[in-house]
Amino acid sequence: MKFSTRSYKKELLDRSDIPFADIKQNMKELDFINSKLGGHKIILEGIKTMIKRMSKRNNDKVSILEIGCGGGDNLRVIKNYCEKKNISVQLCGVDINPHCIEFARSRNENTGIDFISSDYKLTNVFPKPDIIFNSLFCHHFTDEEMKEILIWMRAHSRIGFFINDLHRHPFAYYSIKWLTGLFSKSYLVRNDAPLSVLRGFKRKELEMFNDQCSILNAQLKWRWAFRWLLIAYNV
């Protein structure tokens, strides 16, 4: 098994012929994985960090857009946090897979969140949202497409953006392969979770993308379990 370079093998979830019932099971299990392995915690760290950066009046809404939102679990976590902290927020999620959007809209806990089925590049983002983010999204793309994502997020966000994605590492690969093999009921999760790690990133790769995209005001942090949090500010 080679970990020195990224795999470009396509994940099953990237196919267009996966039945809705299978995607639904996949989304449920990903929500559980993010809850238990720190994914949601990392998302909240990114949101808290960026909101602190903002100078807003008490009656202003913080507008947040997630691209590649899947079943909407990240936005639900943000919604619950903002409600507890009395932060007025406008949340929107975009995903190119209509089945993911259908599932996100069907969940009662996602009430009040807008969901759009679209390629992120074709989404109308006027006025600019304050914050744009994605989670476990960038590893689905090639290096060149990854740089396009970074440039698009910078151009279409007002305050800045952040990404939460995977660290390509042998321990991460074999651990998730073992865990999903034992506990997952989803063939999508069993196939895609370890493959996602192989499609993940090394620190030097993310730093190189930042340099090539001229993203200067950025912070790159390693977080458990084998995740990267990249935060970039426009102001």
Protein backbone atom coordinates (compact mmCIF):
# COMPACT_ATOMS: atom_id res chain seq x y z
CA MET A 1 0.00 0.00 0.00
CA LYS A 2 1.47 3.34 -1.08
CA PHE A 3 0.81 6.44 1.03
CA SER A 4 3.40 8.74 -0.55
CA THR A 5 1.02 9.87 -3.31
CA ARG A 6 -2.73 10.40 -3.50
CA SER A 7 -5.01 7.75 -4.97
CA TYR A 8 -7.32 8.89 -7.76
CA LYS A 9 -9.52 5.83 -7.65
CA LYS A 10 -13.15 7.00 -7.65
CA GLU A 11 -15.32 6.38 -4.61
CA LEU A 12 -18.64 4.59 -5.06
CA LEU A 13 -20.52 7.61 -3.71
CA ASP A 14 -19.26 9.63 -6.69
CA ARG A 15 -21.28 7.43 -9.04
CA SER A 16 -24.68 8.60 -10.29
CA ASP A 17 -26.43 5.21 -10.16
CA ILE A 18 -26.38 4.52 -6.40
CA PRO A 19 -29.90 3.80 -5.06
CA PHE A 20 -31.38 6.33 -2.64
CA ALA A 21 -31.78 3.76 0.15
CA ASP A 22 -28.05 3.00 0.01
CA ILE A 23 -27.12 6.69 0.07
CA LYS A 24 -29.44 7.21 3.04
CA GLN A 25 -27.68 4.46 5.03
CA ASN A 26 -24.33 5.92 4.02
CA MET A 27 -25.32 9.41 5.23
CA LYS A 28 -26.52 8.07 8.58
CA GLU A 29 -23.27 6.21 9.19
CA LEU A 30 -21.12 9.18 8.14
CA ASP A 31 -23.01 11.32 10.65
CA PHE A 32 -22.20 8.76 13.36
CA ILE A 33 -18.53 8.57 12.32
CA ASN A 34 -18.19 12.37 12.38
CA SER A 35 -19.80 12.48 15.81
CA LYS A 36 -17.51 9.84 17.31
CA LEU A 37 -14.21 10.63 15.56
CA GLY A 38 -14.23 14.40 16.02
CA GLY A 39 -15.39 15.61 12.61
CA HIS A 40 -18.21 17.72 14.03
CA LYS A 41 -15.93 19.12 16.72
CA ILE A 42 -13.51 20.30 14.03
CA ILE A 43 -16.33 21.97 12.11
CA LEU A 44 -17.36 23.90 15.23
CA GLU A 45 -13.74 24.94 15.81
CA GLY A 46 -13.64 26.41 12.32
CA ILE A 47 -16.96 28.21 12.79
CA LYS A 48 -16.04 29.62 16.21
CA THR A 49 -12.67 30.82 14.95
CA MET A 50 -14.17 32.61 11.96
CA ILE A 51 -17.09 34.17 13.86
CA LYS A 52 -14.60 35.69 16.31
CA ARG A 53 -12.94 37.30 13.31
CA MET A 54 -16.15 39.08 12.35
CA SER A 55 -17.19 42.51 13.58
CA LYS A 56 -20.96 42.24 13.59
CA ARG A 57 -23.81 44.03 15.29
CA ASN A 58 -26.11 42.07 17.56
CA ASN A 59 -28.93 42.01 14.99
CA ASP A 60 -26.74 40.84 12.10
CA LYS A 61 -27.02 37.31 10.82
CA VAL A 62 -23.94 35.25 10.16
CA SER A 63 -24.37 33.65 6.73
CA ILE A 64 -22.70 30.25 6.27
CA LEU A 65 -22.54 28.09 3.16
CA GLU A 66 -21.35 24.49 3.02
CA ILE A 67 -20.43 23.02 -0.35
CA GLY A 68 -20.67 19.24 -0.63
CA CYS A 69 -23.05 19.19 2.34
CA GLY A 70 -24.20 15.57 2.00
CA GLY A 71 -26.97 14.84 4.49
CA GLY A 72 -26.63 18.19 6.25
CA ASP A 73 -25.26 16.90 9.56
CA ASN A 74 -22.52 19.55 9.75
CA LEU A 75 -25.05 22.34 9.27
CA ARG A 76 -27.31 20.79 11.91
CA VAL A 77 -24.43 20.83 14.41
CA ILE A 78 -23.73 24.49 13.60
CA LYS A 79 -27.43 25.34 13.90
CA ASN A 80 -27.65 23.75 17.36
CA TYR A 81 -24.49 25.52 18.52
CA CYS A 82 -25.70 28.93 17.30
CA GLU A 83 -29.07 28.45 18.96
CA LYS A 84 -27.38 27.71 22.30
CA LYS A 85 -25.10 30.76 21.95
CA ASN A 86 -27.93 33.04 20.71
CA ILE A 87 -26.12 33.67 17.44
CA SER A 88 -28.39 34.64 14.55
CA VAL A 89 -27.36 32.52 11.59
CA GLN A 90 -28.41 31.79 8.01
CA LEU A 91 -27.38 28.32 6.86
CA CYS A 92 -27.28 26.87 3.36
CA GLY A 93 -25.95 23.58 2.00
CA VAL A 94 -25.14 22.68 -1.60
CA ASP A 95 -24.56 19.20 -3.00
CA ILE A 96 -24.44 17.96 -6.57
CA ASN A 97 -26.11 14.66 -5.60
CA PRO A 98 -29.92 15.15 -5.52
CA HIS A 99 -30.34 12.06 -3.31
CA CYS A 100 -28.16 13.64 -0.63
CA ILE A 101 -30.24 16.83 -0.78
CA GLU A 102 -33.46 14.81 -0.63
CA PHE A 103 -32.22 13.06 2.50
CA ALA A 104 -31.05 16.33 4.08
CA ARG A 105 -34.42 17.97 3.48
CA SER A 106 -36.28 14.99 4.90
CA ARG A 107 -34.67 15.25 8.34
CA ASN A 108 -36.73 17.17 10.89
CA GLU A 109 -33.59 18.32 12.71
CA ASN A 110 -32.58 20.21 9.55
CA THR A 111 -35.62 22.50 9.65
CA GLY A 112 -34.62 26.08 8.92
CA ILE A 113 -31.61 25.14 6.77
CA ASP A 114 -31.73 25.79 3.03
CA PHE A 115 -30.53 23.00 0.76
CA ILE A 116 -29.71 23.30 -2.94
CA SER A 117 -29.00 20.50 -5.41
CA SER A 118 -26.31 21.91 -7.68
CA ASP A 119 -22.68 21.85 -8.69
CA TYR A 120 -21.08 24.28 -6.25
CA LYS A 121 -19.50 26.22 -9.15
CA LEU A 122 -22.96 26.95 -10.60
CA THR A 123 -24.53 28.08 -7.33
CA ASN A 124 -25.74 31.66 -7.02
CA VAL A 125 -23.84 33.06 -4.05
CA PHE A 126 -24.95 36.67 -4.13
CA PRO A 127 -24.70 38.33 -1.73
CA LYS A 128 -21.53 36.60 -0.62
CA PRO A 129 -21.92 34.43 2.49
CA ASP A 130 -19.70 35.43 5.38
CA ILE A 131 -18.20 31.95 5.68
CA ILE A 132 -17.90 29.06 3.22
CA PHE A 133 -16.66 25.65 4.29
CA ASN A 134 -16.53 22.05 3.23
CA SER A 135 -15.89 18.81 5.08
CA LEU A 136 -14.55 15.56 3.60
CA PHE A 137 -15.21 17.11 0.19
CA CYS A 138 -11.88 18.12 -1.29
CA HIS A 139 -10.40 14.62 -1.30
CA HIS A 140 -12.97 13.63 -3.95
CA PHE A 141 -11.12 15.81 -6.46
CA THR A 142 -7.80 15.91 -8.29
CA ASP A 143 -5.04 18.30 -7.25
CA GLU A 144 -5.99 20.76 -10.00
CA GLU A 145 -9.66 20.60 -9.03
CA MET A 146 -8.68 21.06 -5.40
CA LYS A 147 -6.95 24.32 -6.28
CA GLU A 148 -10.06 25.44 -8.17
CA ILE A 149 -12.11 24.81 -5.02
CA LEU A 150 -9.78 26.91 -2.88
CA ILE A 151 -9.84 29.79 -5.37
CA TRP A 152 -13.64 29.62 -5.68
CA MET A 153 -14.17 29.61 -1.90
CA ARG A 154 -11.87 32.59 -1.46
CA ALA A 155 -13.59 34.53 -4.26
CA HIS A 156 -17.14 33.84 -3.05
CA SER A 157 -16.78 34.28 0.73
CA ARG A 158 -16.81 37.62 2.54
CA ILE A 159 -14.82 36.82 5.70
CA GLY A 160 -13.09 33.64 4.57
CA PHE A 161 -13.36 29.87 4.36
CA PHE A 162 -12.19 26.64 5.90
CA ILE A 163 -11.93 22.98 4.99
CA ASN A 164 -11.90 19.83 7.12
CA ASP A 165 -10.37 16.85 5.38
CA LEU A 166 -8.36 13.69 5.83
CA HIS A 167 -4.71 13.09 6.62
CA ARG A 168 -3.33 10.32 4.40
CA HIS A 169 -1.64 8.03 6.91
CA PRO A 170 -1.28 4.23 7.33
CA PHE A 171 -2.76 4.23 10.84
CA ALA A 172 -5.82 6.15 9.66
CA TYR A 173 -6.26 3.80 6.71
CA TYR A 174 -6.02 0.49 8.56
CA SER A 175 -8.01 1.73 11.54
CA ILE A 176 -11.00 2.89 9.53
CA LYS A 177 -10.82 -0.19 7.32
CA TRP A 178 -10.98 -2.42 10.41
CA LEU A 179 -13.72 -0.40 12.15
CA THR A 180 -16.02 -0.15 9.15
CA GLY A 181 -15.42 -3.81 8.29
CA LEU A 182 -16.65 -4.77 11.75
CA PHE A 183 -19.50 -2.34 12.33
CA SER A 184 -20.73 -0.79 9.08
CA LYS A 185 -23.91 -1.98 7.40
CA SER A 186 -23.21 0.16 4.34
CA TYR A 187 -21.16 -1.21 1.45
CA LEU A 188 -20.54 2.43 0.48
CA VAL A 189 -18.94 3.20 3.83
CA ARG A 190 -16.93 -0.03 3.88
CA ASN A 191 -15.52 0.73 0.43
CA ASP A 192 -15.24 4.51 0.52
CA ALA A 193 -14.01 5.20 4.07
CA PRO A 194 -10.54 3.61 3.65
CA LEU A 195 -10.33 4.80 0.04
CA SER A 196 -11.05 8.34 1.27
CA VAL A 197 -7.92 8.16 3.40
CA LEU A 198 -5.86 7.15 0.36
CA ARG A 199 -7.29 10.17 -1.45
CA GLY A 200 -6.48 12.44 1.53
CA PHE A 201 -3.62 14.88 1.97
CA LYS A 202 -0.17 15.33 3.47
CA ARG A 203 0.69 18.65 5.11
CA LYS A 204 3.16 19.59 2.39
CA GLU A 205 0.48 19.09 -0.28
CA LEU A 206 -1.99 21.43 1.39
CA GLU A 207 0.75 24.00 1.94
CA MET A 208 1.68 23.72 -1.73
CA PHE A 209 -1.94 24.28 -2.79
CA ASN A 210 -2.08 27.42 -0.64
CA ASP A 211 1.11 28.75 -2.21
CA GLN A 212 -0.03 28.00 -5.75
CA CYS A 213 -3.41 29.66 -5.13
CA SER A 214 -1.81 32.68 -3.42
CA ILE A 215 -3.77 32.02 -0.23
CA LEU A 216 -1.57 33.91 2.18
CA ASN A 217 -3.58 34.48 5.36
CA ALA A 218 -4.14 30.83 6.30
CA GLN A 219 -3.74 28.48 9.25
CA LEU A 220 -3.26 24.72 8.85
CA LYS A 221 -3.89 22.59 11.92
CA TRP A 222 -3.75 18.82 12.50
CA ARG A 223 -6.68 17.47 14.49
CA TRP A 224 -7.71 14.07 15.80
CA ALA A 225 -8.60 11.70 14.26
CA PHE A 226 -6.18 12.29 11.36
CA ARG A 227 -7.89 15.40 10.05
CA TRP A 228 -6.67 18.70 8.66
CA LEU A 229 -8.36 22.00 9.45
CA LEU A 230 -7.37 24.72 6.99
CA ILE A 231 -8.69 28.18 7.83
CA ALA A 232 -8.15 31.10 5.43
CA TYR A 233 -9.20 34.72 5.91
CA ASN A 234 -10.06 37.28 3.26
CA VAL A 235 -9.90 40.21 5.68
